[in-house]
Amino acid sequence: MVFFILFTVFTVSACSSTTTTTADTNNPTTTSLPPLRVGMDLRYPPFETLNLDSEPEGISVDIALAFGEFLGREVEIVNTNFASLIPSLNSGEIDIIIASMSITEEREQSVDFSDPYFFFKIISLVNKDFADENNITEDSTVEDLLAINNAVYSGIASQVSATIPESYGKEVIISTNLGTAVESVVQGTADILLMSANPVVDGNRANPNTTIVVWDSFVSSPIGMAVQQGNTELLNQANAFIATFSQTGGLYEVLADKWDAEIIEGLGRYGLEFFITE
């Protein structure tokens, strides 16, 4: 039996909570800034996950902690099902989403997004026999794939694996889940599957003799933090924080030092720079 917990709150801190005192010397008052409640779904390593002690861990967790330090506020990680993140934000249960969330027009109708700080790429798992017949290698381009007129794509209904090739007028065999979509490429029923990097690489690793990875991206989805619409103070703070990432000794360098080895192990070719560059 599987139980789904909608919210689990973890208090993690890189600094003590901050107090502020008013400038009115006749009537000074001191206030304590509340913890910054950060929503994310802790099921997606290495970005959002739990360690062996069931504590939040991952690249997004480190970003949240660094943001708390930037603001001088304690951080609470609120473990929330991804589909419930925006409703939780707009109901006031969390203050900000830092959860590898793509910036889309549909979501922008409900929340305000920060500047992008990562880019998640949609790449291709290709049947090896099909690749050999059409001179496709891991360094081939999207244009090379699209130029093959008789290519058959494997896709999952309403997901990018189906909608992207359909937008180019390509034939798509619809599967019910990722496993069957990958298997159709492995068996040669379909030739190409478009997905984000980790499932594509996992599919190739499980089937190295029958598939290859083509790394050129069909789509590069910008990833941003989300706040309630109209919360310009927190949005401006988030953008000011993100602007420091690429500075010498900034968060990109810190994250790369900590996570590159795990990302390279997962992707087999690239480290954090794969998600930094568009």
Protein backbone atom coordinates (compact mmCIF):
# COMPACT_ATOMS: atom_id res chain seq x y z
CA MET A 1 0.00 0.00 0.00
CA VAL A 2 1.35 3.44 -0.93
CA PHE A 3 0.55 6.55 1.10
CA PHE A 4 0.98 10.03 -0.40
CA ILE A 5 1.77 12.86 2.00
CA LEU A 6 0.89 16.21 0.51
CA PHE A 7 3.02 18.33 2.84
CA THR A 8 6.08 17.49 4.88
CA VAL A 9 7.90 20.43 6.43
CA PHE A 10 11.64 20.36 7.14
CA THR A 11 13.36 23.27 8.84
CA VAL A 12 16.88 23.67 7.52
CA SER A 13 19.05 26.65 8.18
CA ALA A 14 22.25 28.17 6.93
CA CYS A 15 21.90 31.10 9.32
CA SER A 16 20.02 32.25 12.37
CA SER A 17 16.73 34.06 11.95
CA THR A 18 17.22 37.79 11.52
CA THR A 19 15.77 40.58 13.62
CA THR A 20 15.21 44.13 12.45
CA THR A 21 14.80 47.28 14.54
CA THR A 22 12.89 50.37 13.41
CA ALA A 23 14.75 53.66 13.01
CA ASP A 24 12.36 55.46 15.38
CA THR A 25 14.63 55.93 18.43
CA ASN A 26 11.73 57.15 20.56
CA ASN A 27 9.72 53.98 20.04
CA PRO A 28 12.08 51.25 18.85
CA THR A 29 10.48 47.94 17.91
CA THR A 30 12.16 44.69 17.03
CA THR A 31 10.67 42.11 14.67
CA SER A 32 11.87 38.69 13.66
CA LEU A 33 11.69 37.68 10.02
CA PRO A 34 9.65 34.51 9.59
CA PRO A 35 11.17 31.42 7.97
CA LEU A 36 11.12 31.33 4.19
CA ARG A 37 8.81 28.43 3.27
CA VAL A 38 10.16 26.85 0.09
CA GLY A 39 8.01 24.35 -1.80
CA MET A 40 9.52 21.49 -3.78
CA ASP A 41 8.76 17.84 -4.58
CA LEU A 42 11.51 15.72 -3.03
CA ARG A 43 11.28 12.84 -5.50
CA TYR A 44 13.62 14.03 -8.23
CA PRO A 45 17.34 13.50 -7.54
CA PRO A 46 19.82 15.06 -7.84
CA PHE A 47 17.78 18.28 -7.76
CA GLU A 48 15.17 17.53 -5.11
CA THR A 49 15.39 14.42 -2.96
CA LEU A 50 15.83 12.97 0.53
CA ASN A 51 19.06 11.54 1.88
CA LEU A 52 19.39 8.28 3.83
CA ASP A 53 18.33 10.13 6.99
CA SER A 54 15.15 11.33 5.24
CA GLU A 55 16.42 14.91 5.21
CA PRO A 56 16.06 17.22 2.19
CA GLU A 57 19.02 17.08 -0.16
CA GLY A 58 19.80 18.18 -3.67
CA ILE A 59 20.71 21.07 -5.92
CA SER A 60 17.40 22.89 -5.35
CA VAL A 61 17.77 22.40 -1.60
CA ASP A 62 21.20 24.03 -1.74
CA ILE A 63 19.77 26.90 -3.78
CA ALA A 64 16.98 27.38 -1.23
CA LEU A 65 19.46 27.41 1.66
CA ALA A 66 21.69 29.89 -0.16
CA PHE A 67 18.66 32.11 -0.82
CA GLY A 68 17.81 32.00 2.87
CA GLU A 69 21.35 33.05 3.70
CA PHE A 70 21.12 35.82 1.08
CA LEU A 71 17.97 37.11 2.79
CA GLY A 72 19.10 36.41 6.33
CA ARG A 73 16.14 34.10 6.90
CA GLU A 74 15.74 30.56 8.14
CA VAL A 75 14.45 28.16 5.48
CA GLU A 76 11.65 25.61 5.73
CA ILE A 77 11.55 23.03 2.94
CA VAL A 78 7.93 22.06 2.36
CA ASN A 79 7.80 18.71 0.56
CA THR A 80 4.82 19.05 -1.78
CA ASN A 81 3.54 16.98 -4.69
CA PHE A 82 4.62 18.81 -7.85
CA ALA A 83 1.05 19.20 -9.11
CA SER A 84 0.10 20.90 -5.82
CA LEU A 85 2.96 23.42 -5.73
CA ILE A 86 1.17 26.32 -7.45
CA PRO A 87 -2.10 25.82 -5.50
CA SER A 88 -0.04 25.69 -2.28
CA LEU A 89 1.76 28.90 -3.23
CA ASN A 90 -1.45 30.75 -4.03
CA SER A 91 -3.17 29.55 -0.85
CA GLY A 92 -0.29 30.92 1.24
CA GLU A 93 1.02 27.57 2.48
CA ILE A 94 4.44 28.27 0.95
CA ASP A 95 6.23 31.50 0.05
CA ILE A 96 8.18 30.46 -3.02
CA ILE A 97 8.64 27.49 -5.35
CA ILE A 98 12.21 26.34 -6.04
CA ALA A 99 11.50 23.02 -7.70
CA SER A 100 12.96 22.75 -11.23
CA MET A 101 9.72 24.31 -12.50
CA SER A 102 9.63 25.27 -16.18
CA ILE A 103 8.51 28.79 -17.01
CA THR A 104 5.46 28.41 -19.27
CA GLU A 105 2.76 30.76 -20.49
CA GLU A 106 0.09 28.68 -18.76
CA ARG A 107 1.85 28.84 -15.40
CA GLU A 108 2.52 32.56 -15.81
CA GLN A 109 -1.23 33.08 -15.64
CA SER A 110 -1.13 31.89 -12.01
CA VAL A 111 2.28 32.91 -10.62
CA ASP A 112 5.14 35.35 -11.19
CA PHE A 113 8.42 33.76 -12.26
CA SER A 114 11.93 34.89 -11.56
CA ASP A 115 14.61 35.13 -14.18
CA PRO A 116 15.66 31.65 -15.35
CA TYR A 117 18.64 30.08 -13.62
CA PHE A 118 18.67 26.63 -15.28
CA PHE A 119 17.58 25.20 -18.63
CA PHE A 120 16.22 21.66 -18.92
CA LYS A 121 16.78 20.21 -22.37
CA ILE A 122 14.68 17.76 -24.36
CA ILE A 123 17.03 15.33 -26.14
CA SER A 124 16.61 12.12 -28.15
CA LEU A 125 16.83 8.37 -27.60
CA VAL A 126 17.35 6.83 -31.03
CA ASN A 127 17.18 3.23 -32.21
CA LYS A 128 20.75 2.21 -33.08
CA ASP A 129 19.95 0.40 -36.33
CA PHE A 130 17.93 3.42 -37.47
CA ALA A 131 20.81 5.70 -36.48
CA ASP A 132 23.35 3.63 -38.41
CA GLU A 133 21.14 3.53 -41.51
CA ASN A 134 20.77 7.32 -41.47
CA ASN A 135 24.32 8.27 -40.39
CA ILE A 136 23.08 9.60 -37.04
CA THR A 137 25.59 9.89 -34.18
CA GLU A 138 25.41 11.31 -30.67
CA ASP A 139 26.72 14.60 -32.10
CA SER A 140 24.05 14.87 -34.79
CA THR A 141 21.69 17.85 -34.72
CA VAL A 142 17.95 18.27 -34.41
CA GLU A 143 17.97 19.32 -38.06
CA ASP A 144 19.61 16.00 -38.99
CA LEU A 145 16.81 14.09 -37.25
CA LEU A 146 14.02 16.22 -38.71
CA ALA A 147 15.43 15.76 -42.21
CA ILE A 148 14.65 12.02 -42.04
CA ASN A 149 11.17 12.00 -43.55
CA ASN A 150 10.15 8.46 -42.66
CA ALA A 151 11.20 8.62 -38.99
CA VAL A 152 8.62 7.30 -36.53
CA TYR A 153 8.55 8.84 -33.08
CA SER A 154 7.56 7.23 -29.80
CA GLY A 155 5.56 9.47 -27.48
CA ILE A 156 3.35 9.65 -24.41
CA ALA A 157 -0.02 11.35 -24.88
CA SER A 158 -0.03 15.10 -24.08
CA GLN A 159 3.67 15.09 -23.16
CA VAL A 160 6.52 16.73 -25.07
CA SER A 161 7.56 13.33 -26.42
CA ALA A 162 4.38 13.41 -28.51
CA THR A 163 3.59 17.11 -28.92
CA ILE A 164 6.99 18.17 -30.26
CA PRO A 165 7.20 15.66 -33.14
CA GLU A 166 3.51 16.21 -33.88
CA SER A 167 4.22 19.93 -34.25
CA TYR A 168 6.63 19.01 -37.07
CA GLY A 169 4.05 16.76 -38.75
CA LYS A 170 5.87 13.57 -37.76
CA GLU A 171 4.25 10.18 -37.19
CA VAL A 172 4.00 9.37 -33.48
CA ILE A 173 3.21 6.03 -31.89
CA ILE A 174 1.51 6.80 -28.59
CA SER A 175 2.52 4.82 -25.50
CA THR A 176 0.83 4.81 -22.11
CA ASN A 177 4.00 5.29 -20.05
CA LEU A 178 7.73 5.94 -20.30
CA GLY A 179 8.68 2.26 -20.07
CA THR A 180 6.66 1.25 -23.12
CA ALA A 181 7.80 4.37 -25.00
CA VAL A 182 11.43 3.40 -24.45
CA GLU A 183 10.73 -0.24 -25.34
CA SER A 184 9.22 0.76 -28.67
CA VAL A 185 12.52 2.44 -29.60
CA VAL A 186 14.55 -0.51 -28.29
CA GLN A 187 12.50 -2.96 -30.38
CA GLY A 188 12.53 -0.73 -33.47
CA THR A 189 8.76 -0.23 -33.54
CA ALA A 190 9.60 3.47 -33.31
CA ASP A 191 12.84 5.24 -34.17
CA ILE A 192 13.11 8.25 -31.85
CA LEU A 193 11.90 9.23 -28.37
CA LEU A 194 12.17 12.81 -27.09
CA MET A 195 12.46 13.27 -23.32
CA SER A 196 14.50 15.15 -20.74
CA ALA A 197 18.09 14.08 -20.26
CA ASN A 198 17.86 11.66 -17.33
CA PRO A 199 15.20 9.29 -18.73
CA VAL A 200 16.89 9.33 -22.14
CA VAL A 201 20.26 8.44 -20.62
CA ASP A 202 18.66 5.82 -18.38
CA GLY A 203 16.99 4.25 -21.42
CA ASN A 204 20.29 4.12 -23.27
CA ARG A 205 22.17 2.66 -20.31
CA ALA A 206 19.59 -0.10 -19.98
CA ASN A 207 19.81 -0.79 -23.73
CA PRO A 208 23.32 0.20 -24.90
CA ASN A 209 23.37 -2.21 -27.85
CA THR A 210 20.09 -1.06 -29.36
CA THR A 211 19.95 2.70 -28.68
CA ILE A 212 22.08 5.85 -28.79
CA VAL A 213 21.62 9.31 -27.30
CA VAL A 214 21.56 12.38 -29.54
CA TRP A 215 22.44 15.33 -27.31
CA ASP A 216 21.32 18.29 -29.40
CA SER A 217 18.16 19.65 -27.77
CA PHE A 218 14.78 20.07 -29.44
CA VAL A 219 13.67 22.39 -26.63
CA SER A 220 15.50 24.13 -23.82
CA SER A 221 12.97 24.87 -21.09
CA PRO A 222 13.85 27.78 -18.75
CA ILE A 223 13.62 26.99 -15.04
CA GLY A 224 12.65 29.72 -12.57
CA MET A 225 11.49 30.36 -9.03
CA ALA A 226 7.79 31.17 -8.61
CA VAL A 227 6.10 33.56 -6.20
CA GLN A 228 2.52 34.73 -5.79
CA GLN A 229 1.45 37.23 -8.41
CA GLY A 230 2.11 40.73 -7.16
CA ASN A 231 4.75 39.73 -4.59
CA THR A 232 7.27 42.11 -6.15
CA GLU A 233 9.44 42.31 -3.03
CA LEU A 234 10.23 38.59 -2.94
CA LEU A 235 10.46 38.43 -6.75
CA ASN A 236 13.00 41.26 -6.83
CA GLN A 237 14.96 39.57 -4.06
CA ALA A 238 14.97 36.31 -6.01
CA ASN A 239 16.20 38.04 -9.17
CA ALA A 240 18.92 39.87 -7.25
CA PHE A 241 19.99 36.52 -5.77
CA ILE A 242 20.01 34.77 -9.16
CA ALA A 243 22.11 37.60 -10.61
CA THR A 244 24.94 36.54 -8.28
CA PHE A 245 25.08 32.93 -9.51
CA SER A 246 27.57 33.52 -12.31
CA GLN A 247 29.94 35.71 -10.32
CA THR A 248 33.40 34.41 -9.52
CA GLY A 249 32.93 32.10 -6.57
CA GLY A 250 29.17 32.33 -7.04
CA LEU A 251 26.56 29.64 -6.60
CA TYR A 252 27.11 28.04 -10.00
CA GLU A 253 30.72 27.31 -9.02
CA VAL A 254 29.70 26.12 -5.56
CA LEU A 255 27.04 23.78 -6.97
CA ALA A 256 29.36 22.47 -9.68
CA ASP A 257 32.05 21.63 -7.11
CA LYS A 258 29.52 19.72 -5.01
CA TRP A 259 27.34 18.05 -7.66
CA ASP A 260 29.36 17.67 -10.88
CA ALA A 261 30.55 14.15 -10.09
CA GLU A 262 27.01 12.91 -9.43
CA ILE A 263 25.58 14.67 -12.49
CA ILE A 264 28.34 13.30 -14.73
CA GLU A 265 27.70 9.83 -13.33
CA GLY A 266 24.01 10.25 -14.12
CA LEU A 267 24.35 11.79 -17.59
CA GLY A 268 27.59 10.12 -18.57
CA ARG A 269 28.86 13.15 -20.48
CA TYR A 270 28.11 16.52 -18.87
CA GLY A 271 28.12 18.16 -15.46
CA LEU A 272 26.13 21.09 -14.14
CA GLU A 273 27.00 23.21 -17.18
CA PHE A 274 24.51 21.12 -19.17
CA PHE A 275 21.73 22.80 -17.16
CA ILE A 276 23.30 26.29 -17.00
CA THR A 277 23.71 26.89 -20.72
CA GLU A 278 20.67 27.39 -22.92
